[in-house]
């Protein structure tokens, strides 16, 4: 089984996800957006799988700092560009386990994912 988690190490939600994974003995690889931005291929895959509306965190300061014209005309291609320029705009954590990808941390979702 392959598990990879993406995000920012000091994010509170990431800390909850790490704690849950560690408590269940799940081994995982972590990619910190601050140290290694996602590739264009990763960004496109996430948007194709989950939709840009879900991948982009519209509640964060990174979104609020974007130009209003860009926010109002966001689409899949622009979302990829924004992710590459500002990886902290991605909702976190983003977890890939085998062939499944989920966003955010909800204990029930993680439990269901790792029980399957």
PDB file of N, CA and C in Angstrom:
ATOM      1  N   UNK A   1       0.836  -1.190   0.000  1.00  0.00           N
ATOM      2  CA  UNK A   1       0.000   0.000   0.000  1.00  0.00           C
ATOM      3  C   UNK A   1       0.871   1.240   0.000  1.00  0.00           C
ATOM      4  N   UNK A   2       0.438   2.217  -0.757  1.00  0.00           N
ATOM      5  CA  UNK A   2       1.179   3.461  -0.866  1.00  0.00           C
ATOM      6  C   UNK A   2       0.318   4.607  -0.340  1.00  0.00           C
ATOM      7  N   UNK A   3       0.869   5.354   0.601  1.00  0.00           N
ATOM      8  CA  UNK A   3       0.141   6.487   1.169  1.00  0.00           C
ATOM      9  C   UNK A   3       1.042   7.704   1.134  1.00  0.00           C
ATOM     10  N   UNK A   4       0.514   8.797   0.575  1.00  0.00           N
ATOM     11  CA  UNK A   4       1.261  10.042   0.532  1.00  0.00           C
ATOM     12  C   UNK A   4       0.333  11.157   0.988  1.00  0.00           C
ATOM     13  N   UNK A   5       0.865  12.036   1.833  1.00  0.00           N
ATOM     14  CA  UNK A   5       0.077  13.156   2.336  1.00  0.00           C
ATOM     15  C   UNK A   5       0.792  14.455   1.980  1.00  0.00           C
ATOM     16  N   UNK A   6       0.021  15.427   1.524  1.00  0.00           N
ATOM     17  CA  UNK A   6       0.553  16.703   1.072  1.00  0.00           C
ATOM     18  C   UNK A   6      -0.028  17.821   1.925  1.00  0.00           C
ATOM     19  N   UNK A   7       0.793  18.831   2.197  1.00  0.00           N
ATOM     20  CA  UNK A   7       0.309  19.976   2.947  1.00  0.00           C
ATOM     21  C   UNK A   7       1.443  20.807   3.479  1.00  0.00           C
ATOM     22  N   UNK A   8       1.172  21.487   4.568  1.00  0.00           N
ATOM     23  CA  UNK A   8       2.143  22.347   5.235  1.00  0.00           C
ATOM     24  C   UNK A   8       2.297  21.837   6.658  1.00  0.00           C
ATOM     25  N   UNK A   9       3.522  21.555   7.044  1.00  0.00           N
ATOM     26  CA  UNK A   9       3.805  20.860   8.297  1.00  0.00           C
ATOM     27  C   UNK A   9       3.158  21.512   9.520  1.00  0.00           C
ATOM     28  N   UNK A  10       3.156  22.830   9.599  1.00  0.00           N
ATOM     29  CA  UNK A  10       2.674  23.510  10.803  1.00  0.00           C
ATOM     30  C   UNK A  10       1.177  23.786  10.820  1.00  0.00           C
ATOM     31  N   UNK A  11       0.463  23.340   9.815  1.00  0.00           N
ATOM     32  CA  UNK A  11      -0.989  23.524   9.750  1.00  0.00           C
ATOM     33  C   UNK A  11      -1.661  22.654  10.818  1.00  0.00           C
ATOM     34  N   UNK A  12      -2.597  23.217  11.556  1.00  0.00           N
ATOM     35  CA  UNK A  12      -3.280  22.470  12.619  1.00  0.00           C
ATOM     36  C   UNK A  12      -4.017  21.240  12.093  1.00  0.00           C
ATOM     37  N   UNK A  13      -4.664  21.366  10.938  1.00  0.00           N
ATOM     38  CA  UNK A  13      -5.386  20.228  10.374  1.00  0.00           C
ATOM     39  C   UNK A  13      -4.412  19.137   9.951  1.00  0.00           C
ATOM     40  N   UNK A  14      -3.265  19.537   9.453  1.00  0.00           N
ATOM     41  CA  UNK A  14      -2.230  18.552   9.098  1.00  0.00           C
ATOM     42  C   UNK A  14      -1.779  17.804  10.355  1.00  0.00           C
ATOM     43  N   UNK A  15      -1.605  18.522  11.436  1.00  0.00           N
ATOM     44  CA  UNK A  15      -1.166  17.896  12.687  1.00  0.00           C
ATOM     45  C   UNK A  15      -2.176  16.836  13.145  1.00  0.00           C
ATOM     46  N   UNK A  16      -3.468  17.126  12.972  1.00  0.00           N
ATOM     47  CA  UNK A  16      -4.504  16.149  13.333  1.00  0.00           C
ATOM     48  C   UNK A  16      -4.394  14.904  12.449  1.00  0.00           C
ATOM     49  N   UNK A  17      -4.162  15.124  11.153  1.00  0.00           N
ATOM     50  CA  UNK A  17      -4.038  14.002  10.227  1.00  0.00           C
ATOM     51  C   UNK A  17      -2.803  13.160  10.561  1.00  0.00           C
ATOM     52  N   UNK A  18      -1.669  13.817  10.806  1.00  0.00           N
ATOM     53  CA  UNK A  18      -0.448  13.096  11.171  1.00  0.00           C
ATOM     54  C   UNK A  18      -0.675  12.267  12.439  1.00  0.00           C
ATOM     55  N   UNK A  19      -1.314  12.885  13.413  1.00  0.00           N
ATOM     56  CA  UNK A  19      -1.562  12.196  14.679  1.00  0.00           C
ATOM     57  C   UNK A  19      -2.426  10.951  14.451  1.00  0.00           C
ATOM     58  N   UNK A  20      -3.461  11.090  13.627  1.00  0.00           N
ATOM     59  CA  UNK A  20      -4.337   9.958  13.353  1.00  0.00           C
ATOM     60  C   UNK A  20      -3.561   8.853  12.639  1.00  0.00           C
ATOM     61  N   UNK A  21      -2.842   9.203  11.589  1.00  0.00           N
ATOM     62  CA  UNK A  21      -2.074   8.214  10.825  1.00  0.00           C
ATOM     63  C   UNK A  21      -1.060   7.507  11.717  1.00  0.00           C
ATOM     64  N   UNK A  22      -0.355   8.284  12.541  1.00  0.00           N
ATOM     65  CA  UNK A  22       0.646   7.697  13.440  1.00  0.00           C
ATOM     66  C   UNK A  22       0.002   6.760  14.458  1.00  0.00           C
ATOM     67  N   UNK A  23      -1.160   7.165  14.990  1.00  0.00           N
ATOM     68  CA  UNK A  23      -1.826   6.345  16.005  1.00  0.00           C
ATOM     69  C   UNK A  23      -2.333   5.019  15.434  1.00  0.00           C
ATOM     70  N   UNK A  24      -2.570   4.990  14.125  1.00  0.00           N
ATOM     71  CA  UNK A  24      -3.047   3.769  13.464  1.00  0.00           C
ATOM     72  C   UNK A  24      -1.904   2.965  12.853  1.00  0.00           C
ATOM     73  N   UNK A  25      -0.686   3.457  13.009  1.00  0.00           N
ATOM     74  CA  UNK A  25       0.467   2.745  12.470  1.00  0.00           C
ATOM     75  C   UNK A  25       0.557   2.777  10.954  1.00  0.00           C
ATOM     76  N   UNK A  26      -0.034   3.800  10.342  1.00  0.00           N
ATOM     77  CA  UNK A  26      -0.002   3.927   8.884  1.00  0.00           C
ATOM     78  C   UNK A  26       1.327   4.580   8.483  1.00  0.00           C
ATOM     79  N   UNK A  27       2.072   3.918   7.631  1.00  0.00           N
ATOM     80  CA  UNK A  27       3.292   4.542   7.131  1.00  0.00           C
ATOM     81  C   UNK A  27       2.920   5.397   5.919  1.00  0.00           C
ATOM     82  N   UNK A  28       3.545   6.546   5.822  1.00  0.00           N
ATOM     83  CA  UNK A  28       3.205   7.487   4.764  1.00  0.00           C
ATOM     84  C   UNK A  28       4.426   8.328   4.411  1.00  0.00           C
ATOM     85  N   UNK A  29       4.339   8.909   3.240  1.00  0.00           N
ATOM     86  CA  UNK A  29       5.342   9.866   2.787  1.00  0.00           C
ATOM     87  C   UNK A  29       4.681  11.239   2.841  1.00  0.00           C
ATOM     88  N   UNK A  30       5.411  12.237   3.308  1.00  0.00           N
ATOM     89  CA  UNK A  30       4.879  13.588   3.440  1.00  0.00           C
ATOM     90  C   UNK A  30       5.608  14.529   2.498  1.00  0.00           C
ATOM     91  N   UNK A  31       4.826  15.316   1.754  1.00  0.00           N
ATOM     92  CA  UNK A  31       5.401  16.354   0.898  1.00  0.00           C
ATOM     93  C   UNK A  31       4.912  17.707   1.402  1.00  0.00           C
ATOM     94  N   UNK A  32       5.833  18.512   1.888  1.00  0.00           N
ATOM     95  CA  UNK A  32       5.535  19.851   2.403  1.00  0.00           C
ATOM     96  C   UNK A  32       5.553  20.834   1.235  1.00  0.00           C
ATOM     97  N   UNK A  33       4.415  21.481   0.982  1.00  0.00           N
ATOM     98  CA  UNK A  33       4.319  22.436  -0.123  1.00  0.00           C
ATOM     99  C   UNK A  33       5.329  23.565  -0.005  1.00  0.00           C
ATOM    100  N   UNK A  34       5.682  23.915   1.218  1.00  0.00           N
ATOM    101  CA  UNK A  34       6.625  25.019   1.419  1.00  0.00           C
ATOM    102  C   UNK A  34       8.032  24.641   0.945  1.00  0.00           C
ATOM    103  N   UNK A  35       8.353  23.354   0.982  1.00  0.00           N
ATOM    104  CA  UNK A  35       9.691  22.891   0.589  1.00  0.00           C
ATOM    105  C   UNK A  35       9.723  22.329  -0.825  1.00  0.00           C
ATOM    106  N   UNK A  36       8.629  21.721  -1.241  1.00  0.00           N
ATOM    107  CA  UNK A  36       8.557  21.111  -2.569  1.00  0.00           C
ATOM    108  C   UNK A  36       7.142  21.286  -3.109  1.00  0.00           C
ATOM    109  N   UNK A  37       6.999  22.236  -4.004  1.00  0.00           N
ATOM    110  CA  UNK A  37       5.686  22.498  -4.599  1.00  0.00           C
ATOM    111  C   UNK A  37       5.257  21.297  -5.439  1.00  0.00           C
ATOM    112  N   UNK A  38       3.960  21.093  -5.569  1.00  0.00           N
ATOM    113  CA  UNK A  38       3.503  19.992  -6.420  1.00  0.00           C
ATOM    114  C   UNK A  38       3.872  20.264  -7.877  1.00  0.00           C
ATOM    115  N   UNK A  39       3.983  19.213  -8.640  1.00  0.00           N
ATOM    116  CA  UNK A  39       4.273  19.354 -10.067  1.00  0.00           C
ATOM    117  C   UNK A  39       2.994  19.759 -10.811  1.00  0.00           C
ATOM    118  N   UNK A  40       3.179  20.217 -12.022  1.00  0.00           N
ATOM    119  CA  UNK A  40       2.025  20.563 -12.848  1.00  0.00           C
ATOM    120  C   UNK A  40       1.162  19.317 -13.072  1.00  0.00           C
ATOM    121  N   UNK A  41       1.807  18.186 -13.265  1.00  0.00           N
ATOM    122  CA  UNK A  41       1.077  16.929 -13.465  1.00  0.00           C
ATOM    123  C   UNK A  41       0.228  16.587 -12.240  1.00  0.00           C
ATOM    124  N   UNK A  42       0.805  16.756 -11.034  1.00  0.00           N
ATOM    125  CA  UNK A  42       0.037  16.491  -9.813  1.00  0.00           C
ATOM    126  C   UNK A  42      -1.156  17.426  -9.720  1.00  0.00           C
ATOM    127  N   UNK A  43      -0.932  18.711  -9.942  1.00  0.00           N
ATOM    128  CA  UNK A  43      -2.014  19.697  -9.847  1.00  0.00           C
ATOM    129  C   UNK A  43      -3.143  19.353 -10.817  1.00  0.00           C
ATOM    130  N   UNK A  44      -2.783  19.014 -12.054  1.00  0.00           N
ATOM    131  CA  UNK A  44      -3.806  18.655 -13.047  1.00  0.00           C
ATOM    132  C   UNK A  44      -4.575  17.410 -12.621  1.00  0.00           C
ATOM    133  N   UNK A  45      -3.867  16.423 -12.102  1.00  0.00           N
ATOM    134  CA  UNK A  45      -4.512  15.182 -11.673  1.00  0.00           C
ATOM    135  C   UNK A  45      -5.494  15.437 -10.533  1.00  0.00           C
ATOM    136  N   UNK A  46      -5.074  16.217  -9.541  1.00  0.00           N
ATOM    137  CA  UNK A  46      -5.946  16.514  -8.404  1.00  0.00           C
ATOM    138  C   UNK A  46      -7.196  17.257  -8.857  1.00  0.00           C
ATOM    139  N   UNK A  47      -7.016  18.225  -9.750  1.00  0.00           N
ATOM    140  CA  UNK A  47      -8.164  19.000 -10.231  1.00  0.00           C
ATOM    141  C   UNK A  47      -9.085  18.122 -11.064  1.00  0.00           C
ATOM    142  N   UNK A  48      -8.502  17.251 -11.881  1.00  0.00           N
ATOM    143  CA  UNK A  48      -9.317  16.337 -12.681  1.00  0.00           C
ATOM    144  C   UNK A  48     -10.102  15.381 -11.779  1.00  0.00           C
ATOM    145  N   UNK A  49      -9.470  14.899 -10.729  1.00  0.00           N
ATOM    146  CA  UNK A  49     -10.092  13.934  -9.822  1.00  0.00           C
ATOM    147  C   UNK A  49     -11.114  14.581  -8.896  1.00  0.00           C
ATOM    148  N   UNK A  50     -10.754  15.734  -8.324  1.00  0.00           N
ATOM    149  CA  UNK A  50     -11.565  16.327  -7.258  1.00  0.00           C
ATOM    150  C   UNK A  50     -12.305  17.604  -7.658  1.00  0.00           C
ATOM    151  N   UNK A  51     -11.929  18.214  -8.781  1.00  0.00           N
ATOM    152  CA  UNK A  51     -12.520  19.485  -9.188  1.00  0.00           C
ATOM    153  C   UNK A  51     -11.785  20.656  -8.562  1.00  0.00           C
ATOM    154  N   UNK A  52     -11.537  21.708  -9.351  1.00  0.00           N
ATOM    155  CA  UNK A  52     -10.769  22.843  -8.819  1.00  0.00           C
ATOM    156  C   UNK A  52     -11.481  23.489  -7.642  1.00  0.00           C
ATOM    157  N   UNK A  53     -12.813  23.453  -7.649  1.00  0.00           N
ATOM    158  CA  UNK A  53     -13.583  24.088  -6.579  1.00  0.00           C
ATOM    159  C   UNK A  53     -13.303  23.440  -5.225  1.00  0.00           C
ATOM    160  N   UNK A  54     -12.917  22.167  -5.247  1.00  0.00           N
ATOM    161  CA  UNK A  54     -12.598  21.459  -4.013  1.00  0.00           C
ATOM    162  C   UNK A  54     -11.121  21.564  -3.650  1.00  0.00           C
ATOM    163  N   UNK A  55     -10.256  21.537  -4.648  1.00  0.00           N
ATOM    164  CA  UNK A  55      -8.816  21.564  -4.397  1.00  0.00           C
ATOM    165  C   UNK A  55      -8.364  22.928  -3.888  1.00  0.00           C
ATOM    166  N   UNK A  56      -8.942  23.974  -4.440  1.00  0.00           N
ATOM    167  CA  UNK A  56      -8.570  25.339  -4.040  1.00  0.00           C
ATOM    168  C   UNK A  56      -9.276  25.700  -2.734  1.00  0.00           C
ATOM    169  N   UNK A  57      -8.494  26.137  -1.754  1.00  0.00           N
ATOM    170  CA  UNK A  57      -9.045  26.553  -0.461  1.00  0.00           C
ATOM    171  C   UNK A  57      -9.488  28.010  -0.554  1.00  0.00           C
ATOM    172  N   UNK A  58     -10.797  28.217  -0.653  1.00  0.00           N
ATOM    173  CA  UNK A  58     -11.344  29.575  -0.788  1.00  0.00           C
ATOM    174  C   UNK A  58     -11.498  30.281   0.551  1.00  0.00           C
ATOM    175  N   UNK A  59     -11.183  29.602   1.646  1.00  0.00           N
ATOM    176  CA  UNK A  59     -11.304  30.218   2.968  1.00  0.00           C
ATOM    177  C   UNK A  59     -10.001  30.846   3.443  1.00  0.00           C
ATOM    178  N   UNK A  60      -8.902  30.514   2.793  1.00  0.00           N
ATOM    179  CA  UNK A  60      -7.594  30.943   3.267  1.00  0.00           C
ATOM    180  C   UNK A  60      -7.171  32.315   2.777  1.00  0.00           C
ATOM    181  N   UNK A  61      -6.119  32.806   3.374  1.00  0.00           N
ATOM    182  CA  UNK A  61      -5.600  34.126   3.007  1.00  0.00           C
ATOM    183  C   UNK A  61      -5.015  34.136   1.597  1.00  0.00           C
ATOM    184  N   UNK A  62      -4.494  33.012   1.137  1.00  0.00           N
ATOM    185  CA  UNK A  62      -3.922  32.972  -0.213  1.00  0.00           C
ATOM    186  C   UNK A  62      -5.005  33.266  -1.251  1.00  0.00           C
ATOM    187  N   UNK A  63      -6.185  32.687  -1.077  1.00  0.00           N
ATOM    188  CA  UNK A  63      -7.308  32.957  -1.983  1.00  0.00           C
ATOM    189  C   UNK A  63      -7.726  34.419  -1.899  1.00  0.00           C
ATOM    190  N   UNK A  64      -7.838  34.921  -0.692  1.00  0.00           N
ATOM    191  CA  UNK A  64      -8.292  36.304  -0.516  1.00  0.00           C
ATOM    192  C   UNK A  64      -7.333  37.318  -1.129  1.00  0.00           C
ATOM    193  N   UNK A  65      -6.068  36.964  -1.217  1.00  0.00           N
ATOM    194  CA  UNK A  65      -5.068  37.873  -1.784  1.00  0.00           C
ATOM    195  C   UNK A  65      -5.048  37.863  -3.311  1.00  0.00           C
ATOM    196  N   UNK A  66      -5.715  36.889  -3.923  1.00  0.00           N
ATOM    197  CA  UNK A  66      -5.743  36.835  -5.382  1.00  0.00           C
ATOM    198  C   UNK A  66      -6.539  37.998  -5.950  1.00  0.00           C
ATOM    199  N   UNK A  67      -6.191  38.402  -7.139  1.00  0.00           N
ATOM    200  CA  UNK A  67      -6.917  39.443  -7.866  1.00  0.00           C
ATOM    201  C   UNK A  67      -8.373  39.005  -8.058  1.00  0.00           C
ATOM    202  N   UNK A  68      -9.310  39.937  -7.840  1.00  0.00           N
ATOM    203  CA  UNK A  68     -10.736  39.604  -7.966  1.00  0.00           C
ATOM    204  C   UNK A  68     -11.085  39.078  -9.352  1.00  0.00           C
ATOM    205  N   UNK A  69     -10.469  39.622 -10.381  1.00  0.00           N
ATOM    206  CA  UNK A  69     -10.738  39.161 -11.744  1.00  0.00           C
ATOM    207  C   UNK A  69     -10.356  37.689 -11.897  1.00  0.00           C
ATOM    208  N   UNK A  70      -9.217  37.305 -11.324  1.00  0.00           N
ATOM    209  CA  UNK A  70      -8.776  35.913 -11.379  1.00  0.00           C
ATOM    210  C   UNK A  70      -9.746  35.013 -10.612  1.00  0.00           C
ATOM    211  N   UNK A  71     -10.145  35.449  -9.425  1.00  0.00           N
ATOM    212  CA  UNK A  71     -11.080  34.644  -8.626  1.00  0.00           C
ATOM    213  C   UNK A  71     -12.418  34.478  -9.341  1.00  0.00           C
ATOM    214  N   UNK A  72     -12.893  35.549  -9.948  1.00  0.00           N
ATOM    215  CA  UNK A  72     -14.197  35.509 -10.612  1.00  0.00           C
ATOM    216  C   UNK A  72     -14.193  34.705 -11.906  1.00  0.00           C
ATOM    217  N   UNK A  73     -13.022  34.504 -12.484  1.00  0.00           N
ATOM    218  CA  UNK A  73     -12.921  33.784 -13.751  1.00  0.00           C
ATOM    219  C   UNK A  73     -12.113  32.490 -13.621  1.00  0.00           C
ATOM    220  N   UNK A  74     -12.066  31.951 -12.428  1.00  0.00           N
ATOM    221  CA  UNK A  74     -11.292  30.738 -12.172  1.00  0.00           C
ATOM    222  C   UNK A  74     -11.858  29.577 -12.985  1.00  0.00           C
ATOM    223  N   UNK A  75     -10.975  28.780 -13.534  1.00  0.00           N
ATOM    224  CA  UNK A  75     -11.343  27.551 -14.224  1.00  0.00           C
ATOM    225  C   UNK A  75     -10.227  26.541 -13.967  1.00  0.00           C
ATOM    226  N   UNK A  76     -10.315  25.372 -14.585  1.00  0.00           N
ATOM    227  CA  UNK A  76      -9.334  24.321 -14.310  1.00  0.00           C
ATOM    228  C   UNK A  76      -7.911  24.743 -14.656  1.00  0.00           C
ATOM    229  N   UNK A  77      -7.729  25.351 -15.807  1.00  0.00           N
ATOM    230  CA  UNK A  77      -6.375  25.738 -16.234  1.00  0.00           C
ATOM    231  C   UNK A  77      -5.804  26.826 -15.322  1.00  0.00           C
ATOM    232  N   UNK A  78      -6.620  27.820 -15.002  1.00  0.00           N
ATOM    233  CA  UNK A  78      -6.149  28.888 -14.113  1.00  0.00           C
ATOM    234  C   UNK A  78      -5.852  28.342 -12.721  1.00  0.00           C
ATOM    235  N   UNK A  79      -6.649  27.376 -12.289  1.00  0.00           N
ATOM    236  CA  UNK A  79      -6.424  26.777 -10.970  1.00  0.00           C
ATOM    237  C   UNK A  79      -5.068  26.075 -10.920  1.00  0.00           C
ATOM    238  N   UNK A  80      -4.696  25.386 -11.989  1.00  0.00           N
ATOM    239  CA  UNK A  80      -3.377  24.739 -12.043  1.00  0.00           C
ATOM    240  C   UNK A  80      -2.286  25.793 -11.924  1.00  0.00           C
ATOM    241  N   UNK A  81      -2.419  26.897 -12.661  1.00  0.00           N
ATOM    242  CA  UNK A  81      -1.422  27.973 -12.624  1.00  0.00           C
ATOM    243  C   UNK A  81      -1.317  28.565 -11.223  1.00  0.00           C
ATOM    244  N   UNK A  82      -2.469  28.778 -10.581  1.00  0.00           N
ATOM    245  CA  UNK A  82      -2.478  29.349  -9.230  1.00  0.00           C
ATOM    246  C   UNK A  82      -1.806  28.390  -8.250  1.00  0.00           C
ATOM    247  N   UNK A  83      -2.075  27.108  -8.382  1.00  0.00           N
ATOM    248  CA  UNK A  83      -1.459  26.109  -7.506  1.00  0.00           C
ATOM    249  C   UNK A  83       0.056  26.115  -7.665  1.00  0.00           C
ATOM    250  N   UNK A  84       0.512  26.196  -8.909  1.00  0.00           N
ATOM    251  CA  UNK A  84       1.955  26.186  -9.144  1.00  0.00           C
ATOM    252  C   UNK A  84       2.624  27.435  -8.585  1.00  0.00           C
ATOM    253  N   UNK A  85       1.923  28.575  -8.650  1.00  0.00           N
ATOM    254  CA  UNK A  85       2.470  29.834  -8.123  1.00  0.00           C
ATOM    255  C   UNK A  85       2.305  29.957  -6.612  1.00  0.00           C
ATOM    256  N   UNK A  86       1.243  29.375  -6.066  1.00  0.00           N
ATOM    257  CA  UNK A  86       0.894  29.510  -4.649  1.00  0.00           C
ATOM    258  C   UNK A  86       0.420  28.167  -4.095  1.00  0.00           C
ATOM    259  N   UNK A  87       1.315  27.213  -3.879  1.00  0.00           N
ATOM    260  CA  UNK A  87       0.857  25.887  -3.449  1.00  0.00           C
ATOM    261  C   UNK A  87       0.116  25.881  -2.117  1.00  0.00           C
ATOM    262  N   UNK A  88       0.291  26.907  -1.307  1.00  0.00           N
ATOM    263  CA  UNK A  88      -0.429  26.930  -0.034  1.00  0.00           C
ATOM    264  C   UNK A  88      -1.930  27.173  -0.217  1.00  0.00           C
ATOM    265  N   UNK A  89      -2.369  27.408  -1.451  1.00  0.00           N
ATOM    266  CA  UNK A  89      -3.796  27.600  -1.720  1.00  0.00           C
ATOM    267  C   UNK A  89      -4.540  26.267  -1.778  1.00  0.00           C
ATOM    268  N   UNK A  90      -3.805  25.160  -1.831  1.00  0.00           N
ATOM    269  CA  UNK A  90      -4.437  23.843  -1.897  1.00  0.00           C
ATOM    270  C   UNK A  90      -5.028  23.503  -0.532  1.00  0.00           C
ATOM    271  N   UNK A  91      -6.267  23.047  -0.551  1.00  0.00           N
ATOM    272  CA  UNK A  91      -6.907  22.592   0.680  1.00  0.00           C
ATOM    273  C   UNK A  91      -6.070  21.455   1.261  1.00  0.00           C
ATOM    274  N   UNK A  92      -5.942  21.428   2.566  1.00  0.00           N
ATOM    275  CA  UNK A  92      -5.080  20.419   3.171  1.00  0.00           C
ATOM    276  C   UNK A  92      -5.732  19.788   4.388  1.00  0.00           C
ATOM    277  N   UNK A  93      -5.260  18.590   4.659  1.00  0.00           N
ATOM    278  CA  UNK A  93      -4.311  17.807   3.890  1.00  0.00           C
ATOM    279  C   UNK A  93      -4.951  17.211   2.646  1.00  0.00           C
ATOM    280  N   UNK A  94      -4.101  16.889   1.703  1.00  0.00           N
ATOM    281  CA  UNK A  94      -4.508  16.127   0.538  1.00  0.00           C
ATOM    282  C   UNK A  94      -3.822  14.780   0.699  1.00  0.00           C
ATOM    283  N   UNK A  95      -4.612  13.729   0.737  1.00  0.00           N
ATOM    284  CA  UNK A  95      -4.088  12.398   1.010  1.00  0.00           C
ATOM    285  C   UNK A  95      -4.356  11.483  -0.171  1.00  0.00           C
ATOM    286  N   UNK A  96      -3.300  10.807  -0.619  1.00  0.00           N
ATOM    287  CA  UNK A  96      -3.427   9.799  -1.659  1.00  0.00           C
ATOM    288  C   UNK A  96      -3.115   8.451  -1.028  1.00  0.00           C
ATOM    289  N   UNK A  97      -4.040   7.528  -1.185  1.00  0.00           N
ATOM    290  CA  UNK A  97      -3.849   6.178  -0.661  1.00  0.00           C
ATOM    291  C   UNK A  97      -4.275   5.211  -1.755  1.00  0.00           C
ATOM    292  N   UNK A  98      -3.282   4.462  -2.243  1.00  0.00           N
ATOM    293  CA  UNK A  98      -3.509   3.586  -3.388  1.00  0.00           C
ATOM    294  C   UNK A  98      -4.089   4.412  -4.533  1.00  0.00           C
ATOM    295  N   UNK A  99      -5.301   4.144  -4.967  1.00  0.00           N
ATOM    296  CA  UNK A  99      -5.855   4.884  -6.103  1.00  0.00           C
ATOM    297  C   UNK A  99      -6.922   5.899  -5.683  1.00  0.00           C
ATOM    298  N   UNK A 100      -6.940   6.244  -4.404  1.00  0.00           N
ATOM    299  CA  UNK A 100      -7.944   7.194  -3.915  1.00  0.00           C
ATOM    300  C   UNK A 100      -7.281   8.472  -3.407  1.00  0.00           C
ATOM    301  N   UNK A 101      -7.981   9.582  -3.587  1.00  0.00           N
ATOM    302  CA  UNK A 101      -7.495  10.887  -3.141  1.00  0.00           C
ATOM    303  C   UNK A 101      -8.604  11.562  -2.352  1.00  0.00           C
ATOM    304  N   UNK A 102      -8.268  12.035  -1.146  1.00  0.00           N
ATOM    305  CA  UNK A 102      -9.255  12.769  -0.353  1.00  0.00           C
ATOM    306  C   UNK A 102      -8.633  14.065   0.158  1.00  0.00           C
ATOM    307  N   UNK A 103      -9.497  15.033   0.393  1.00  0.00           N
ATOM    308  CA  UNK A 103      -9.083  16.346   0.882  1.00  0.00           C
ATOM    309  C   UNK A 103      -9.588  16.567   2.292  1.00  0.00           C
ATOM    310  N   UNK A 104      -8.812  17.312   3.056  1.00  0.00           N
ATOM    311  CA  UNK A 104      -9.215  17.656   4.408  1.00  0.00           C
ATOM    312  C   UNK A 104      -9.008  16.481   5.344  1.00  0.00           C
ATOM    313  N   UNK A 105      -9.308  16.698   6.605  1.00  0.00           N
ATOM    314  CA  UNK A 105      -9.195  15.611   7.571  1.00  0.00           C
ATOM    315  C   UNK A 105     -10.501  15.444   8.320  1.00  0.00           C
ATOM    316  N   UNK A 106     -11.115  14.295   8.106  1.00  0.00           N
ATOM    317  CA  UNK A 106     -12.262  13.862   8.896  1.00  0.00           C
ATOM    318  C   UNK A 106     -11.933  12.446   9.318  1.00  0.00           C
ATOM    319  N   UNK A 107     -11.936  12.208  10.600  1.00  0.00           N
ATOM    320  CA  UNK A 107     -11.548  10.904  11.125  1.00  0.00           C
ATOM    321  C   UNK A 107     -12.337   9.769  10.472  1.00  0.00           C
ATOM    322  N   UNK A 108     -13.634   9.969  10.306  1.00  0.00           N
ATOM    323  CA  UNK A 108     -14.469   8.916   9.713  1.00  0.00           C
ATOM    324  C   UNK A 108     -14.037   8.603   8.282  1.00  0.00           C
ATOM    325  N   UNK A 109     -13.670   9.629   7.516  1.00  0.00           N
ATOM    326  CA  UNK A 109     -13.217   9.416   6.141  1.00  0.00           C
ATOM    327  C   UNK A 109     -11.911   8.636   6.110  1.00  0.00           C
ATOM    328  N   UNK A 110     -10.980   8.988   6.990  1.00  0.00           N
ATOM    329  CA  UNK A 110      -9.699   8.284   7.058  1.00  0.00           C
ATOM    330  C   UNK A 110      -9.943   6.832   7.484  1.00  0.00           C
ATOM    331  N   UNK A 111     -10.791   6.640   8.467  1.00  0.00           N
ATOM    332  CA  UNK A 111     -11.091   5.283   8.949  1.00  0.00           C
ATOM    333  C   UNK A 111     -11.632   4.431   7.817  1.00  0.00           C
ATOM    334  N   UNK A 112     -12.593   4.966   7.075  1.00  0.00           N
ATOM    335  CA  UNK A 112     -13.190   4.231   5.968  1.00  0.00           C
ATOM    336  C   UNK A 112     -12.164   3.928   4.880  1.00  0.00           C
ATOM    337  N   UNK A 113     -11.310   4.891   4.594  1.00  0.00           N
ATOM    338  CA  UNK A 113     -10.302   4.713   3.556  1.00  0.00           C
ATOM    339  C   UNK A 113      -9.324   3.602   3.904  1.00  0.00           C
ATOM    340  N   UNK A 114      -8.882   3.557   5.144  1.00  0.00           N
ATOM    341  CA  UNK A 114      -7.864   2.582   5.533  1.00  0.00           C
ATOM    342  C   UNK A 114      -8.447   1.227   5.931  1.00  0.00           C
ATOM    343  N   UNK A 115      -9.762   1.163   6.078  1.00  0.00           N
ATOM    344  CA  UNK A 115     -10.406  -0.133   6.340  1.00  0.00           C
ATOM    345  C   UNK A 115     -10.664  -0.891   5.049  1.00  0.00           C
ATOM    346  N   UNK A 116     -10.735  -0.158   3.941  1.00  0.00           N
ATOM    347  CA  UNK A 116     -11.068  -0.812   2.662  1.00  0.00           C
ATOM    348  C   UNK A 116      -9.890  -1.544   2.071  1.00  0.00           C
TER     349      UNK A 116
END
